[in-house]
N, C-alpha and C. Protein backbone atom coordinates (compact mmCIF):
# COMPACT_ATOMS: atom_id res chain seq x y z
N UNK A 1 0.37 -1.22 -0.13
CA UNK A 1 0.76 0.25 -0.50
C UNK A 1 1.01 1.03 0.28
N UNK A 2 2.22 0.95 0.71
CA UNK A 2 2.90 1.82 0.03
C UNK A 2 2.74 3.37 1.05
N UNK A 3 2.59 4.26 0.66
CA UNK A 3 2.90 6.28 1.23
C UNK A 3 1.15 5.81 1.11
N UNK A 4 1.50 6.83 2.54
CA UNK A 4 0.21 6.70 3.19
C UNK A 4 0.62 8.40 4.00
N UNK A 5 -1.00 8.48 3.39
CA UNK A 5 -1.45 10.06 3.28
C UNK A 5 -2.59 10.73 4.19
N UNK A 6 -2.42 9.64 6.42
CA UNK A 6 -3.28 9.73 6.81
C UNK A 6 -3.05 11.19 7.84
N UNK A 7 -2.21 11.94 7.99
CA UNK A 7 -1.10 12.58 9.06
C UNK A 7 -1.85 13.81 9.01
N UNK A 8 -2.51 14.46 8.08
CA UNK A 8 -2.74 16.04 7.82
C UNK A 8 -3.40 16.29 8.78
N UNK A 9 -4.82 15.73 9.29
CA UNK A 9 -5.57 16.13 10.89
C UNK A 9 -4.97 16.33 11.94
N UNK A 10 -3.69 15.46 12.10
CA UNK A 10 -3.12 14.70 13.01
C UNK A 10 -2.30 16.42 13.11
N UNK A 11 -2.53 17.22 12.08
CA UNK A 11 -1.60 18.71 12.90
C UNK A 11 -2.35 19.59 13.21
N UNK A 12 -1.56 20.78 14.06
CA UNK A 12 -2.66 21.63 14.55
C UNK A 12 -1.60 22.12 15.32
N UNK A 13 -2.11 23.56 15.29
CA UNK A 13 -0.67 24.66 15.86
C UNK A 13 -1.13 24.77 17.24
N UNK A 14 -1.31 25.22 17.87
CA UNK A 14 -1.00 25.87 19.56
C UNK A 14 -0.15 24.87 20.75
N UNK A 15 -0.33 25.71 21.78
CA UNK A 15 0.75 25.76 23.10
C UNK A 15 -0.10 24.49 24.40
N UNK A 16 1.32 24.08 24.94
CA UNK A 16 0.64 23.79 26.13
C UNK A 16 1.23 23.57 26.62
N UNK A 17 0.69 23.50 28.61
CA UNK A 17 1.83 23.02 29.66
C UNK A 17 2.08 21.81 29.56
N UNK A 18 3.41 21.23 29.98
CA UNK A 18 3.94 20.58 30.36
C UNK A 18 3.28 20.00 31.63
N UNK A 19 3.35 18.59 31.64
CA UNK A 19 2.56 17.69 33.11
C UNK A 19 3.60 17.18 33.51
N UNK A 20 5.13 17.26 33.25
CA UNK A 20 5.85 15.96 33.67
C UNK A 20 5.65 14.87 33.89
N UNK A 21 4.71 14.54 32.32
CA UNK A 21 5.21 13.40 31.60
C UNK A 21 6.14 12.96 30.61
N UNK A 22 5.86 12.30 30.19
CA UNK A 22 6.78 12.08 29.43
C UNK A 22 6.54 13.47 27.89
N UNK A 23 7.28 14.06 27.29
CA UNK A 23 7.22 14.50 26.37
C UNK A 23 7.51 15.05 25.30
N UNK A 24 6.19 15.68 24.97
CA UNK A 24 5.64 16.33 23.48
C UNK A 24 5.94 15.41 22.50
N UNK A 25 7.49 15.93 21.97
CA UNK A 25 7.87 15.08 20.76
C UNK A 25 8.09 13.70 21.39
N UNK A 26 8.03 12.87 22.48
CA UNK A 26 8.06 11.22 22.50
C UNK A 26 7.16 11.15 22.64
N UNK A 27 5.84 11.83 22.44
CA UNK A 27 4.41 11.24 23.51
C UNK A 27 4.00 11.02 21.52
N UNK A 28 4.05 11.96 20.64
CA UNK A 28 3.94 12.03 19.23
C UNK A 28 4.97 10.90 18.52
N UNK A 29 5.91 10.48 18.98
CA UNK A 29 7.02 9.19 18.81
C UNK A 29 5.74 8.10 18.34
N UNK A 30 5.17 7.87 20.16
CA UNK A 30 4.97 6.78 21.04
C UNK A 30 3.54 6.31 20.27
N UNK A 31 3.40 7.62 19.55
CA UNK A 31 1.93 7.70 18.60
C UNK A 31 1.89 7.30 16.92
N UNK A 32 2.56 7.89 16.94
CA UNK A 32 3.50 7.47 15.23
C UNK A 32 3.85 6.18 15.13
N UNK A 33 4.84 4.86 16.40
CA UNK A 33 5.10 3.67 16.02
C UNK A 33 3.21 3.28 16.55
N UNK A 34 2.76 3.60 17.81
CA UNK A 34 1.16 2.85 17.50
C UNK A 34 0.81 2.60 15.87
N UNK A 35 0.78 3.90 15.93
CA UNK A 35 -0.62 3.38 14.97
C UNK A 35 -0.08 3.37 13.39
N UNK A 36 1.27 3.18 12.48
CA UNK A 36 2.25 2.25 12.32
C UNK A 36 1.79 1.07 12.86
N UNK A 37 2.53 0.61 13.69
CA UNK A 37 2.15 -0.71 13.46
C UNK A 37 0.85 -1.76 13.56
N UNK A 38 -0.19 -0.45 13.57
CA UNK A 38 -1.39 -1.27 13.89
C UNK A 38 -1.75 -1.21 11.61
N UNK A 39 -1.09 0.37 11.59
CA UNK A 39 -0.91 0.44 9.85
C UNK A 39 -0.84 -0.66 8.65
N UNK A 40 0.30 -1.34 9.81
CA UNK A 40 0.91 -2.59 9.28
C UNK A 40 0.65 -3.46 9.06
N UNK A 41 -0.07 -3.76 10.90
CA UNK A 41 -0.70 -5.17 10.79
C UNK A 41 -1.89 -5.05 9.81
N UNK A 42 -3.03 -4.05 9.88
CA UNK A 42 -3.59 -4.20 8.78
C UNK A 42 -4.09 -4.90 8.12
N UNK A 43 -2.27 -3.59 7.28
CA UNK A 43 -1.78 -4.16 6.11
C UNK A 43 -1.92 -6.25 5.41
N UNK A 44 -1.40 -6.35 6.61
CA UNK A 44 -1.34 -7.45 6.10
C UNK A 44 -1.46 -8.64 6.03
N UNK A 45 -2.33 -7.95 7.11
CA UNK A 45 -3.45 -8.53 7.12
C UNK A 45 -5.08 -8.95 6.33
N UNK A 46 -5.01 -7.97 5.59
CA UNK A 46 -5.39 -7.41 4.63
C UNK A 46 -4.41 -8.08 3.21
N UNK A 47 -4.02 -8.50 3.35
CA UNK A 47 -3.61 -8.69 1.78
C UNK A 47 -2.93 -7.96 1.20
N UNK A 48 -2.76 -6.71 1.32
CA UNK A 48 -3.39 -5.34 0.63
C UNK A 48 -2.34 -5.16 -0.76
N UNK A 49 -0.89 -5.94 -0.25
CA UNK A 49 -0.22 -5.83 -0.88
C UNK A 49 1.47 -6.82 -1.22
N UNK A 50 1.23 -7.63 -0.94
CA UNK A 50 1.36 -9.56 -0.26
C UNK A 50 3.04 -8.93 -0.20
N UNK A 51 4.20 -8.29 -1.28
CA UNK A 51 4.87 -8.66 -2.37
C UNK A 51 6.24 -7.63 0.07
N UNK A 52 4.69 -7.15 0.28
CA UNK A 52 5.67 -6.30 1.50
C UNK A 52 5.42 -7.14 3.06
N UNK A 53 5.97 -7.13 3.52
CA UNK A 53 5.76 -7.66 4.88
C UNK A 53 5.15 -6.22 5.91
N UNK A 54 4.19 -7.17 7.14
CA UNK A 54 4.20 -6.27 8.31
C UNK A 54 5.01 -5.48 8.41
N UNK A 55 6.39 -5.38 8.57
CA UNK A 55 7.35 -3.75 8.92
C UNK A 55 7.45 -3.76 8.16
N UNK A 56 8.09 -4.07 6.72
CA UNK A 56 7.77 -3.15 6.01
C UNK A 56 6.22 -1.99 5.78
N UNK A 57 5.52 -2.59 5.58
CA UNK A 57 4.87 -1.69 6.08
C UNK A 57 4.14 -0.66 6.62
N UNK A 58 4.86 -1.68 8.25
CA UNK A 58 4.76 -0.33 9.01
C UNK A 58 5.85 0.83 8.92
N UNK A 59 7.08 0.09 8.15
CA UNK A 59 8.64 1.41 8.15
C UNK A 59 7.89 2.61 6.87
N UNK A 60 7.27 1.79 6.03
CA UNK A 60 6.94 2.92 4.25
C UNK A 60 6.06 3.82 5.62
N UNK A 61 5.23 3.38 6.71
CA UNK A 61 4.47 4.55 7.22
C UNK A 61 4.72 5.20 8.16
N UNK A 62 5.26 4.83 8.56
CA UNK A 62 6.77 5.71 9.58
C UNK A 62 7.40 6.23 9.02
N UNK A 63 7.76 6.49 7.52
CA UNK A 63 8.48 7.45 6.95
C UNK A 63 7.59 8.76 6.36
N UNK A 64 6.07 7.93 5.77
CA UNK A 64 4.98 9.13 5.55
C UNK A 64 4.68 9.92 6.31
N UNK A 65 4.59 9.56 7.22
CA UNK A 65 4.28 10.32 7.95
C UNK A 65 5.57 10.90 9.27
N UNK A 66 6.33 10.59 8.91
CA UNK A 66 7.23 11.72 9.24
C UNK A 66 7.51 12.56 7.89
N UNK A 67 7.20 12.28 7.10
CA UNK A 67 8.03 13.12 6.05
C UNK A 67 6.75 14.53 6.15
N UNK A 68 5.35 14.25 5.97
CA UNK A 68 4.46 15.24 7.51
C UNK A 68 5.30 15.92 8.37
N UNK A 69 4.79 14.89 9.66
CA UNK A 69 4.93 15.96 11.40
C UNK A 69 6.63 15.81 11.24
N UNK A 70 7.01 17.02 11.84
CA UNK A 70 8.87 16.23 13.00
C UNK A 70 8.02 16.16 14.23
N UNK A 71 8.03 15.53 15.42
CA UNK A 71 7.75 14.99 15.23
C UNK A 71 8.94 15.99 17.59
N UNK A 72 9.86 16.45 16.99
CA UNK A 72 11.03 16.88 17.75
C UNK A 72 10.40 18.83 17.86
N UNK A 73 9.46 18.65 17.26
CA UNK A 73 9.30 20.56 16.57
C UNK A 73 7.85 19.59 18.07
N UNK A 74 6.59 19.17 18.76
CA UNK A 74 6.02 18.97 19.27
C UNK A 74 5.57 19.92 20.61
N UNK A 75 4.71 20.83 20.90
CA UNK A 75 4.86 21.61 22.27
C UNK A 75 3.86 20.62 23.29
N UNK A 76 2.73 19.57 23.03
CA UNK A 76 2.40 19.72 23.80
C UNK A 76 1.35 18.12 22.75
N UNK A 77 0.27 18.26 23.32
CA UNK A 77 -0.97 17.26 23.34
C UNK A 77 -2.22 17.63 23.55
N UNK A 78 -2.90 17.03 22.93
CA UNK A 78 -4.47 18.02 23.25
C UNK A 78 -5.01 16.45 24.36
N UNK A 79 -6.44 17.75 24.89
CA UNK A 79 -7.22 16.79 25.42
C UNK A 79 -7.18 14.40 25.57
N UNK A 80 -7.09 14.61 23.97
CA UNK A 80 -7.86 13.52 23.53
C UNK A 80 -6.98 13.01 23.12
N UNK A 81 -5.54 12.21 23.61
CA UNK A 81 -4.60 11.78 23.75
C UNK A 81 -4.79 10.03 23.60
N UNK A 82 -4.95 10.04 24.81
CA UNK A 82 -5.11 8.98 25.56
C UNK A 82 -6.19 7.38 24.46
N UNK A 83 -6.98 9.20 24.18
CA UNK A 83 -8.39 8.17 23.20
C UNK A 83 -8.00 7.72 22.41
N UNK A 84 -6.74 8.53 21.57
CA UNK A 84 -6.27 8.76 20.32
C UNK A 84 -5.84 7.72 20.06
N UNK A 85 -4.29 7.23 21.49
CA UNK A 85 -3.87 6.63 21.65
C UNK A 85 -4.29 4.55 21.52
N UNK A 86 -5.77 4.49 22.62
CA UNK A 86 -6.56 3.29 22.16
C UNK A 86 -6.55 3.09 20.41
N UNK A 87 -7.55 3.91 20.16
CA UNK A 87 -8.03 4.08 18.78
C UNK A 87 -7.04 3.83 17.62
N UNK A 88 -5.98 4.76 17.36
CA UNK A 88 -5.59 4.48 16.64
C UNK A 88 -4.71 2.53 16.91
N UNK A 89 -4.44 2.14 18.46
CA UNK A 89 -4.48 0.62 17.50
C UNK A 89 -4.85 -0.61 18.01
N UNK A 90 -6.10 -0.05 17.30
CA UNK A 90 -7.05 -0.63 17.91
C UNK A 90 -9.43 -0.26 16.18
N UNK A 91 -8.26 0.80 15.03
CA UNK A 91 -9.09 0.40 14.29
C UNK A 91 -9.74 -0.58 13.37
N UNK A 92 -10.61 -1.51 13.20
CA UNK A 92 -11.02 -2.65 12.02
C UNK A 92 -9.77 -2.37 11.29
N UNK A 93 -9.56 -3.93 10.95
CA UNK A 93 -8.72 -4.03 9.85
C UNK A 93 -9.53 -3.37 8.33
N UNK A 94 -10.90 -3.93 8.85
CA UNK A 94 -11.72 -4.03 7.68
C UNK A 94 -11.50 -2.72 6.74
N UNK A 95 -11.35 -2.20 7.92
CA UNK A 95 -10.97 0.14 7.17
C UNK A 95 -10.42 -0.13 5.66
N UNK A 96 -9.59 -1.27 6.15
CA UNK A 96 -8.21 -0.89 5.01
C UNK A 96 -9.33 -2.07 3.90
N UNK A 97 -10.64 -2.17 3.41
CA UNK A 97 -10.62 -2.61 1.91
C UNK A 97 -10.52 -4.38 2.34
N UNK A 98 -9.97 -4.60 1.02
CA UNK A 98 -10.50 -5.90 0.55
C UNK A 98 -8.80 -6.15 0.51
N UNK A 99 -7.67 -7.16 -0.24
CA UNK A 99 -6.66 -7.86 -1.03
C UNK A 99 -7.79 -7.02 -2.82
N UNK A 100 -8.36 -7.08 -3.01
CA UNK A 100 -8.37 -6.89 -4.37
C UNK A 100 -9.23 -5.06 -3.97
N UNK A 101 -9.25 -4.63 -2.79
CA UNK A 101 -9.50 -2.50 -3.34
C UNK A 101 -9.44 -2.64 -1.80
N UNK A 102 -8.57 -2.49 -1.57
CA UNK A 102 -7.23 -1.61 -0.98
C UNK A 102 -8.11 -0.30 -0.85
N UNK A 103 -8.78 0.25 1.00
CA UNK A 103 -9.25 1.52 1.38
C UNK A 103 -7.67 2.18 2.87
N UNK A 104 -7.66 3.19 2.40
CA UNK A 104 -7.02 4.46 3.21
C UNK A 104 -8.14 4.61 3.84
N UNK A 105 -8.27 4.21 4.99
CA UNK A 105 -9.47 5.06 6.12
C UNK A 105 -8.26 6.18 6.59
N UNK A 106 -9.33 7.38 7.31
CA UNK A 106 -8.41 8.43 8.49
C UNK A 106 -8.82 8.03 9.11
N UNK A 107 -8.19 8.78 9.78
CA UNK A 107 -7.06 8.63 11.42
C UNK A 107 -8.24 9.30 12.11
N UNK A 108 -8.23 8.63 13.52
CA UNK A 108 -9.94 7.63 14.31
C UNK A 108 -10.21 9.67 14.75
N UNK A 109 -10.89 9.68 14.93
CA UNK A 109 -11.24 11.57 15.46
C UNK A 109 -10.49 12.06 16.41
N UNK A 110 -10.64 10.33 17.01
CA UNK A 110 -9.64 11.62 18.69
C UNK A 110 -8.46 12.16 17.97
N UNK A 111 -7.88 11.58 16.87
CA UNK A 111 -6.40 11.49 17.03
C UNK A 111 -6.38 13.30 16.38
N UNK A 112 -7.71 13.72 16.17
CA UNK A 112 -8.03 15.10 14.93
C UNK A 112 -6.87 16.37 15.63
N UNK A 113 -6.00 16.69 15.58
CA UNK A 113 -5.70 17.93 16.45
C UNK A 113 -5.60 17.91 16.80
N UNK A 114 -5.14 16.25 17.75
CA UNK A 114 -3.98 15.56 19.21
C UNK A 114 -3.13 16.20 19.44
N UNK A 115 -2.14 16.56 18.64
CA UNK A 115 -0.34 16.58 18.47
C UNK A 115 -0.58 18.33 18.04
N UNK A 116 0.33 19.43 18.59
CA UNK A 116 -0.48 20.66 18.91
C UNK A 116 1.50 21.54 19.03
N UNK A 117 1.49 21.80 18.17
CA UNK A 117 2.96 22.28 17.81
C UNK A 117 3.14 24.28 17.67
């Protein structure tokens, strides 16, 4: 399935405060790894591109996301971050279509605008 164009809704401009937990860049990277790991799992399960392994699909997703957002520039995460992380790893694989008709689902609603730059 190659490059994924899913992350535009993830971006938001703003600022926030630190709560002493993981840094915003770390939380952004955790989102990328969680989301792309699930994408890799689903694409492999659906069989969208049998020439790619699950790990190759995940790596392709991570590369695409990193070309769109720079987690190192994240200032905060929005209040729906926890719900976003849960949704990012639980989107039904049927949302990716079938082996003969693959689809690119959008980001879960809780993930839209969750990373603040």
